[in-house]
Amino acid sequence: MRNNLQRASQRTTTLARERPNRIPLAPNLTVSAQPRATEPDLPSAVPLMGLATGFWAFKALAAAHALDLFSRLAGGKGTTAGELAQTLGLHQRPAEMLLTGCAALGLLEKSHGRYRNTPLSEAYLVRGKPYYFGGFVQMADKRLYPGWDKLEEALRSNRPTTWDPAVQSSAFDGEDPTMLALFWEAMHSLSTMTARKLGEAVDLSQFRHLLDIGGGSAAYDIELSKQYAELRATVLELPHVAAIAAGKIAEAGLADRIETVGGSFFEQLPENHDVHLFSMILHDWDEAKNRALLRRSFEALQSGGAVVISELLVNDEKTGPAPAALMSLNMLIETEGRNYTPAEYSAWLEEAGFRDIETIWFDAPAANGAVIGRKP
């Protein structure tokens, strides 16, 4: 035994002499005695994975909405994968995967083996609810998703991809009636909650006559009229859109306080209003058209009146925030405009003659702030 230990010790000593840069740990296991060159710490690739697969979450939401999943579960009614498969005529495997995906996204919750709507889905994704958001989901799926698939083309051509400029003069002219109805329903759902947040952030109590320039389906006017009992509003829109607005106004029971006027805001603005609202309008147009619109607004406003520009504002450094920057890219595939900064709007307002210009920030689906100017 002693002789064996001695021989093993001699072999270890010999190996150490032959390979002085190695430290024997065990038979066939060694480690370098010299420090290895260390690589710099790398940032996590997880954010890139999130960006690369971002469309997975959207398409899961869009498919669930298209299958009327959230409306089927309205009122607390739950479901299992088996029940959903039978109801929708699906195999159980995809039914279970859809329910799991929606739960992971915070759209469903599971209790006692049954999936139910979360408060988020119950409030915004159930058809017929006051703040139904599904119209925008559907429009994003059917109109914007194909347009974004051609984003590289839009970047190279500086032309929209959701419509053909050779056929239409803008995104709002000559559109397929079905897609146009879908677009305006989406805008109504997107604007409704944004209007509520705008009314809470910006005090409109001193004003009596609001002109909503390019007011779409009158979502802002309906919400603001509910918040401000003394406020009356006029929606200026293209005639076919003004008809949509009139229908929404009648449904809200506000026809005695909100009127519609058919026409182009590039031609003339009605007078006798003390506050003008541009809500998600100026991002559609280039700088020259926006400057002209703000000059026209100044001329039509009463003295002491104000203009309110409600938008997803890009910061003055043009580094974000992400919702505004991505909406700006959306304008590339949809319009001739982009999302502008508070500094840009402020300069145009001052050039038009407005004073006491300020920016008020808030948090809403379609806007993060309002730039306000007042006419002396």
Protein backbone atom coordinates (compact mmCIF):
# COMPACT_ATOMS: atom_id res chain seq x y z
CA MET A 1 0.00 0.00 0.00
CA ARG A 2 2.76 2.42 0.96
CA ASN A 3 4.69 1.66 -2.24
CA ASN A 4 1.55 2.32 -4.31
CA LEU A 5 1.03 5.70 -2.65
CA GLN A 6 4.64 6.63 -3.27
CA ARG A 7 4.39 5.71 -6.96
CA ALA A 8 1.17 7.76 -7.33
CA SER A 9 2.85 10.73 -5.67
CA GLN A 10 5.83 10.46 -8.02
CA ARG A 11 3.52 10.36 -11.08
CA THR A 12 1.70 13.47 -9.87
CA THR A 13 4.98 15.32 -9.30
CA THR A 14 6.22 14.32 -12.75
CA LEU A 15 3.00 15.54 -14.42
CA ALA A 16 3.22 18.85 -12.58
CA ARG A 17 6.80 19.33 -13.82
CA GLU A 18 5.90 18.43 -17.40
CA ARG A 19 2.80 20.70 -17.35
CA PRO A 20 3.55 23.42 -14.81
CA ASN A 21 0.55 25.47 -15.94
CA ARG A 22 -1.91 22.76 -14.88
CA ILE A 23 -3.03 21.86 -11.37
CA PRO A 24 -4.15 18.23 -11.02
CA LEU A 25 -7.47 17.91 -9.28
CA ALA A 26 -8.40 14.29 -9.86
CA PRO A 27 -7.72 11.61 -12.46
CA ASN A 28 -8.44 13.07 -15.93
CA LEU A 29 -9.60 16.44 -14.41
CA THR A 30 -7.37 19.52 -14.51
CA VAL A 31 -7.85 23.29 -14.56
CA SER A 32 -5.61 25.99 -15.92
CA ALA A 33 -3.54 27.85 -13.35
CA GLN A 34 -3.32 30.83 -15.66
CA PRO A 35 -6.31 33.25 -15.64
CA ARG A 36 -8.45 32.97 -18.75
CA ALA A 37 -9.23 36.03 -20.82
CA THR A 38 -12.62 37.20 -19.66
CA GLU A 39 -15.25 38.45 -22.11
CA PRO A 40 -17.05 41.68 -21.29
CA ASP A 41 -20.45 41.23 -19.68
CA LEU A 42 -23.13 40.98 -22.34
CA PRO A 43 -26.57 42.51 -21.95
CA SER A 44 -29.44 40.08 -21.78
CA ALA A 45 -30.95 39.07 -25.09
CA VAL A 46 -34.36 38.71 -23.47
CA PRO A 47 -35.56 42.18 -24.61
CA LEU A 48 -34.68 41.28 -28.21
CA MET A 49 -36.67 38.07 -27.91
CA GLY A 50 -39.60 40.12 -26.66
CA LEU A 51 -39.35 42.47 -29.63
CA ALA A 52 -38.91 39.68 -32.17
CA THR A 53 -41.96 37.81 -30.91
CA GLY A 54 -44.16 40.81 -30.08
CA PHE A 55 -46.60 39.87 -32.84
CA TRP A 56 -47.31 36.57 -31.08
CA ALA A 57 -49.16 38.37 -28.30
CA PHE A 58 -51.08 40.58 -30.71
CA LYS A 59 -52.18 37.71 -32.95
CA ALA A 60 -53.29 35.71 -29.91
CA LEU A 61 -55.45 38.66 -28.85
CA ALA A 62 -56.76 39.18 -32.39
CA ALA A 63 -57.66 35.50 -32.82
CA ALA A 64 -59.40 35.35 -29.44
CA HIS A 65 -61.37 38.47 -30.31
CA ALA A 66 -62.28 37.12 -33.77
CA LEU A 67 -63.64 33.98 -32.08
CA ASP A 68 -65.69 36.18 -29.72
CA LEU A 69 -64.00 34.53 -26.76
CA PHE A 70 -64.34 37.49 -24.39
CA SER A 71 -67.95 38.22 -25.28
CA ARG A 72 -68.80 34.55 -24.75
CA LEU A 73 -67.31 34.73 -21.26
CA ALA A 74 -68.99 38.02 -20.32
CA GLY A 75 -70.63 38.33 -16.94
CA GLY A 76 -68.36 35.87 -15.17
CA LYS A 77 -69.29 32.82 -17.19
CA GLY A 78 -66.27 30.56 -17.25
CA THR A 79 -65.15 27.83 -19.60
CA THR A 80 -62.83 24.88 -19.84
CA ALA A 81 -60.79 23.83 -22.84
CA GLY A 82 -63.24 21.04 -23.53
CA GLU A 83 -66.26 23.29 -23.36
CA LEU A 84 -64.64 25.93 -25.57
CA ALA A 85 -63.61 23.33 -28.13
CA GLN A 86 -67.18 22.06 -28.32
CA THR A 87 -68.67 25.57 -28.52
CA LEU A 88 -66.34 26.79 -31.26
CA GLY A 89 -65.92 23.54 -33.12
CA LEU A 90 -62.20 23.36 -32.35
CA HIS A 91 -59.93 20.51 -31.39
CA GLN A 92 -59.21 20.52 -27.66
CA ARG A 93 -55.47 21.02 -28.17
CA PRO A 94 -55.70 24.51 -29.79
CA ALA A 95 -58.59 25.47 -27.50
CA GLU A 96 -56.43 24.77 -24.47
CA MET A 97 -53.45 26.58 -25.99
CA LEU A 98 -55.54 29.68 -26.71
CA LEU A 99 -56.92 29.78 -23.17
CA THR A 100 -53.43 29.32 -21.71
CA GLY A 101 -52.02 32.08 -23.93
CA CYS A 102 -54.77 34.54 -23.03
CA ALA A 103 -54.30 33.79 -19.35
CA ALA A 104 -50.56 34.38 -19.68
CA LEU A 105 -51.29 37.75 -21.32
CA GLY A 106 -53.57 38.87 -18.49
CA LEU A 107 -56.72 38.60 -20.59
CA LEU A 108 -58.15 35.60 -18.73
CA GLU A 109 -57.80 34.24 -15.21
CA LYS A 110 -58.27 30.66 -14.04
CA SER A 111 -60.13 29.61 -10.91
CA HIS A 112 -61.35 26.14 -9.92
CA GLY A 113 -60.42 24.80 -13.33
CA ARG A 114 -62.36 27.42 -15.31
CA TYR A 115 -61.11 30.37 -17.34
CA ARG A 116 -62.87 33.73 -16.95
CA ASN A 117 -62.38 37.27 -18.25
CA THR A 118 -60.07 39.49 -16.25
CA PRO A 119 -61.42 42.97 -15.37
CA LEU A 120 -59.44 44.31 -18.35
CA SER A 121 -61.15 42.02 -20.85
CA GLU A 122 -64.55 42.41 -19.24
CA ALA A 123 -64.37 46.20 -19.49
CA TYR A 124 -62.89 46.59 -22.98
CA LEU A 125 -63.28 43.40 -25.04
CA VAL A 126 -66.95 42.50 -24.53
CA ARG A 127 -69.14 43.66 -27.41
CA GLY A 128 -71.72 46.23 -26.42
CA LYS A 129 -69.84 47.55 -23.39
CA PRO A 130 -69.52 51.38 -23.23
CA TYR A 131 -65.75 51.32 -23.63
CA TYR A 132 -65.51 48.40 -26.05
CA PHE A 133 -62.01 48.37 -27.57
CA GLY A 134 -62.47 45.46 -29.93
CA GLY A 135 -62.99 47.68 -32.95
CA PHE A 136 -59.38 48.82 -32.77
CA VAL A 137 -58.15 45.24 -32.30
CA GLN A 138 -60.02 44.20 -35.43
CA MET A 139 -58.82 47.19 -37.44
CA ALA A 140 -55.22 46.60 -36.38
CA ASP A 141 -55.51 42.98 -37.46
CA LYS A 142 -57.20 43.55 -40.81
CA ARG A 143 -55.70 46.88 -41.90
CA LEU A 144 -52.56 47.78 -39.97
CA TYR A 145 -50.97 44.33 -39.63
CA PRO A 146 -50.71 43.85 -43.43
CA GLY A 147 -49.45 47.44 -43.78
CA TRP A 148 -46.72 46.92 -41.18
CA ASP A 149 -45.65 43.78 -43.03
CA LYS A 150 -44.50 46.21 -45.74
CA LEU A 151 -42.75 48.65 -43.40
CA GLU A 152 -39.41 48.27 -45.17
CA GLU A 153 -41.13 49.18 -48.42
CA ALA A 154 -42.61 52.29 -46.76
CA LEU A 155 -39.21 53.27 -45.39
CA ARG A 156 -37.61 53.02 -48.82
CA SER A 157 -40.42 54.71 -50.75
CA ASN A 158 -41.69 57.23 -48.16
CA ARG A 159 -45.19 56.19 -49.19
CA PRO A 160 -48.07 54.55 -47.28
CA THR A 161 -48.72 50.83 -47.64
CA THR A 162 -52.29 50.49 -46.37
CA TRP A 163 -53.72 52.28 -49.42
CA ASP A 164 -52.63 53.22 -52.93
CA PRO A 165 -51.75 56.92 -53.41
CA ALA A 166 -52.22 56.44 -57.14
CA VAL A 167 -55.91 55.68 -56.53
CA GLN A 168 -56.78 57.71 -53.41
CA SER A 169 -55.90 61.26 -52.41
CA SER A 170 -55.56 60.26 -48.76
CA ALA A 171 -56.22 57.40 -46.37
CA PHE A 172 -59.70 58.81 -45.78
CA ASP A 173 -60.94 59.01 -49.38
CA GLY A 174 -62.25 56.25 -51.62
CA GLU A 175 -61.82 53.53 -49.04
CA ASP A 176 -63.66 50.22 -49.23
CA PRO A 177 -66.92 50.80 -47.29
CA THR A 178 -66.44 47.77 -45.06
CA MET A 179 -62.89 48.75 -44.17
CA LEU A 180 -63.92 52.37 -43.69
CA ALA A 181 -66.68 51.40 -41.26
CA LEU A 182 -64.18 49.21 -39.42
CA PHE A 183 -61.70 52.09 -39.28
CA TRP A 184 -64.15 54.54 -37.74
CA GLU A 185 -65.49 51.99 -35.27
CA ALA A 186 -61.90 51.40 -34.22
CA MET A 187 -61.24 55.11 -33.87
CA HIS A 188 -64.36 55.49 -31.72
CA SER A 189 -63.25 52.78 -29.32
CA LEU A 190 -59.70 54.16 -29.19
CA SER A 191 -60.87 57.74 -28.66
CA THR A 192 -63.50 57.18 -26.01
CA MET A 193 -61.22 56.47 -23.06
CA THR A 194 -58.63 58.96 -24.33
CA ALA A 195 -61.28 61.68 -24.33
CA ARG A 196 -62.17 60.87 -20.75
CA LYS A 197 -58.54 61.21 -19.67
CA LEU A 198 -58.15 64.46 -21.62
CA GLY A 199 -61.19 65.94 -19.90
CA GLU A 200 -59.77 65.03 -16.51
CA ALA A 201 -56.32 66.49 -17.27
CA VAL A 202 -57.33 69.70 -19.06
CA ASP A 203 -59.84 72.03 -17.39
CA LEU A 204 -62.46 73.00 -19.98
CA SER A 205 -64.97 74.44 -17.52
CA GLN A 206 -64.39 78.02 -18.74
CA PHE A 207 -65.39 77.17 -22.31
CA ARG A 208 -68.90 76.89 -23.76
CA HIS A 209 -68.58 76.11 -27.48
CA LEU A 210 -66.15 73.41 -28.62
CA LEU A 211 -65.25 72.88 -32.28
CA ASP A 212 -63.89 69.36 -32.80
CA ILE A 213 -61.86 69.67 -36.00
CA GLY A 214 -61.81 66.33 -37.79
CA GLY A 215 -63.82 64.91 -34.89
CA GLY A 216 -64.47 61.52 -36.45
CA SER A 217 -67.30 59.64 -34.77
CA ALA A 218 -67.70 62.32 -32.04
CA ALA A 219 -66.20 60.17 -29.28
CA TYR A 220 -64.40 63.17 -27.77
CA ASP A 221 -67.48 65.36 -27.90
CA ILE A 222 -69.68 62.73 -26.26
CA GLU A 223 -67.24 62.13 -23.42
CA LEU A 224 -66.42 65.80 -22.85
CA SER A 225 -70.11 66.74 -22.88
CA LYS A 226 -70.70 64.16 -20.16
CA GLN A 227 -67.94 65.70 -18.04
CA TYR A 228 -68.82 69.35 -18.67
CA ALA A 229 -72.55 70.00 -18.43
CA GLU A 230 -72.30 73.55 -19.84
CA LEU A 231 -70.30 72.55 -22.91
CA ARG A 232 -71.82 72.39 -26.37
CA ALA A 233 -69.90 70.92 -29.30
CA THR A 234 -69.70 70.92 -33.08
CA VAL A 235 -68.07 68.08 -35.02
CA LEU A 236 -66.51 69.18 -38.30
CA GLU A 237 -65.94 66.18 -40.56
CA LEU A 238 -66.24 64.94 -44.11
CA PRO A 239 -69.92 64.41 -44.91
CA HIS A 240 -69.87 60.60 -44.84
CA VAL A 241 -68.03 60.60 -41.51
CA ALA A 242 -70.30 63.30 -40.08
CA ALA A 243 -73.19 60.90 -40.72
CA ILE A 244 -71.44 58.26 -38.59
CA ALA A 245 -70.90 60.86 -35.86
CA ALA A 246 -74.57 61.85 -35.92
CA GLY A 247 -75.53 58.25 -35.29
CA LYS A 248 -73.18 57.95 -32.32
CA ILE A 249 -74.43 61.26 -30.90
CA ALA A 250 -78.04 60.10 -31.15
CA GLU A 251 -77.18 56.81 -29.43
CA ALA A 252 -75.64 58.79 -26.57
CA GLY A 253 -78.75 60.96 -26.25
CA LEU A 254 -76.77 64.16 -26.84
CA ALA A 255 -78.26 65.44 -30.11
CA ASP A 256 -79.43 68.58 -28.32
CA ARG A 257 -75.86 69.51 -27.34
CA ILE A 258 -73.67 68.18 -30.15
CA GLU A 259 -74.13 69.01 -33.82
CA THR A 260 -72.29 67.86 -36.93
CA VAL A 261 -71.11 69.91 -39.89
CA GLY A 262 -70.03 68.26 -43.13
CA GLY A 263 -67.02 69.77 -44.82
CA SER A 264 -63.23 69.87 -45.13
CA PHE A 265 -61.22 71.58 -42.40
CA PHE A 266 -58.70 72.55 -45.09
CA GLU A 267 -61.28 74.87 -46.62
CA GLN A 268 -63.01 76.73 -43.78
CA LEU A 269 -63.56 76.51 -40.02
CA PRO A 270 -66.90 77.52 -38.48
CA GLU A 271 -66.69 80.60 -36.26
CA ASN A 272 -68.29 81.42 -32.88
CA HIS A 273 -66.40 78.79 -30.90
CA ASP A 274 -64.17 79.50 -27.92
CA VAL A 275 -62.13 76.27 -27.94
CA HIS A 276 -60.79 74.22 -30.85
CA LEU A 277 -59.79 70.58 -30.50
CA PHE A 278 -57.38 68.67 -32.75
CA SER A 279 -57.47 65.11 -31.41
CA MET A 280 -55.18 62.69 -33.27
CA ILE A 281 -55.50 64.86 -36.38
CA LEU A 282 -52.25 66.73 -36.89
CA HIS A 283 -50.15 63.56 -36.94
CA ASP A 284 -51.88 62.71 -40.25
CA TRP A 285 -50.41 65.68 -42.12
CA ASP A 286 -47.07 67.20 -43.00
CA GLU A 287 -45.62 70.29 -41.36
CA ALA A 288 -46.84 72.77 -43.99
CA LYS A 289 -50.46 71.61 -43.74
CA ASN A 290 -50.33 71.66 -39.93
CA ARG A 291 -49.03 75.20 -39.85
CA ALA A 292 -51.80 76.27 -42.20
CA LEU A 293 -54.44 74.53 -40.04
CA LEU A 294 -53.21 76.25 -36.88
CA ARG A 295 -53.26 79.65 -38.60
CA ARG A 296 -56.82 78.96 -39.71
CA SER A 297 -57.71 77.97 -36.16
CA PHE A 298 -56.29 81.22 -34.79
CA GLU A 299 -58.28 83.27 -37.27
CA ALA A 300 -61.59 81.50 -36.53
CA LEU A 301 -61.31 81.42 -32.73
CA GLN A 302 -62.90 84.01 -30.51
CA SER A 303 -60.55 86.30 -28.59
CA GLY A 304 -59.69 84.63 -25.30
CA GLY A 305 -60.26 81.20 -26.83
CA ALA A 306 -57.88 78.26 -26.86
CA VAL A 307 -56.71 75.46 -29.12
CA VAL A 308 -56.03 71.99 -27.69
CA ILE A 309 -53.82 69.53 -29.57
CA SER A 310 -54.26 66.03 -28.11
CA GLU A 311 -51.66 63.55 -29.39
CA LEU A 312 -49.15 60.85 -28.61
CA LEU A 313 -46.27 63.29 -28.32
CA VAL A 314 -42.70 62.34 -29.19
CA ASN A 315 -40.31 63.87 -26.66
CA ASP A 316 -38.27 66.89 -27.69
CA GLU A 317 -35.08 64.76 -27.81
CA LYS A 318 -36.79 62.38 -30.28
CA THR A 319 -35.80 59.30 -28.29
CA GLY A 320 -39.30 58.12 -27.34
CA PRO A 321 -41.53 57.30 -25.66
CA ALA A 322 -42.09 54.02 -27.47
CA PRO A 323 -45.88 54.36 -28.01
CA ALA A 324 -45.42 57.75 -29.69
CA ALA A 325 -42.40 56.68 -31.72
CA LEU A 326 -44.15 53.54 -32.96
CA MET A 327 -47.33 55.48 -33.72
CA SER A 328 -45.14 57.76 -35.81
CA LEU A 329 -44.00 54.74 -37.83
CA ASN A 330 -47.65 53.79 -38.14
CA MET A 331 -48.20 57.19 -39.73
CA LEU A 332 -45.57 56.23 -42.29
CA ILE A 333 -47.63 53.29 -43.51
CA GLU A 334 -50.92 55.22 -43.22
CA THR A 335 -50.43 58.93 -43.98
CA GLU A 336 -48.06 61.70 -45.03
CA GLY A 337 -47.52 62.80 -41.41
CA ARG A 338 -45.69 61.70 -38.28
CA ASN A 339 -45.93 62.21 -34.54
CA TYR A 340 -44.50 65.58 -33.52
CA THR A 341 -42.90 66.97 -30.37
CA PRO A 342 -44.22 69.58 -27.91
CA ALA A 343 -41.49 71.93 -29.08
CA GLU A 344 -42.59 71.62 -32.70
CA TYR A 345 -46.25 72.23 -31.88
CA SER A 346 -45.34 75.13 -29.59
CA ALA A 347 -43.31 76.82 -32.33
CA TRP A 348 -46.16 76.46 -34.84
CA LEU A 349 -48.71 77.77 -32.34
CA GLU A 350 -46.58 80.80 -31.54
CA GLU A 351 -46.03 81.44 -35.24
CA ALA A 352 -49.82 81.39 -35.74
CA GLY A 353 -50.30 83.99 -33.00
CA PHE A 354 -51.15 81.88 -29.93
CA ARG A 355 -49.66 82.75 -26.54
CA ASP A 356 -49.35 81.20 -23.06
CA ILE A 357 -48.51 77.87 -24.66
CA GLU A 358 -48.21 74.88 -22.33
CA THR A 359 -48.03 71.09 -22.47
CA ILE A 360 -50.08 68.94 -20.09
CA TRP A 361 -49.21 65.26 -19.82
CA PHE A 362 -51.58 62.39 -19.08
CA ASP A 363 -51.86 58.65 -19.66
CA ALA A 364 -54.39 57.33 -22.19
CA PRO A 365 -54.53 54.77 -25.03
CA ALA A 366 -54.30 57.24 -27.93
CA ALA A 367 -52.60 60.29 -26.39
CA ASN A 368 -50.06 61.07 -23.72
CA GLY A 369 -50.47 64.82 -23.61
CA ALA A 370 -52.03 68.01 -24.88
CA VAL A 371 -50.35 71.16 -26.20
CA ILE A 372 -52.53 74.19 -25.50
CA GLY A 373 -52.31 77.71 -26.90
CA ARG A 374 -54.51 80.73 -26.17
CA LYS A 375 -55.60 83.53 -28.45
CA PRO A 376 -55.08 86.99 -26.88
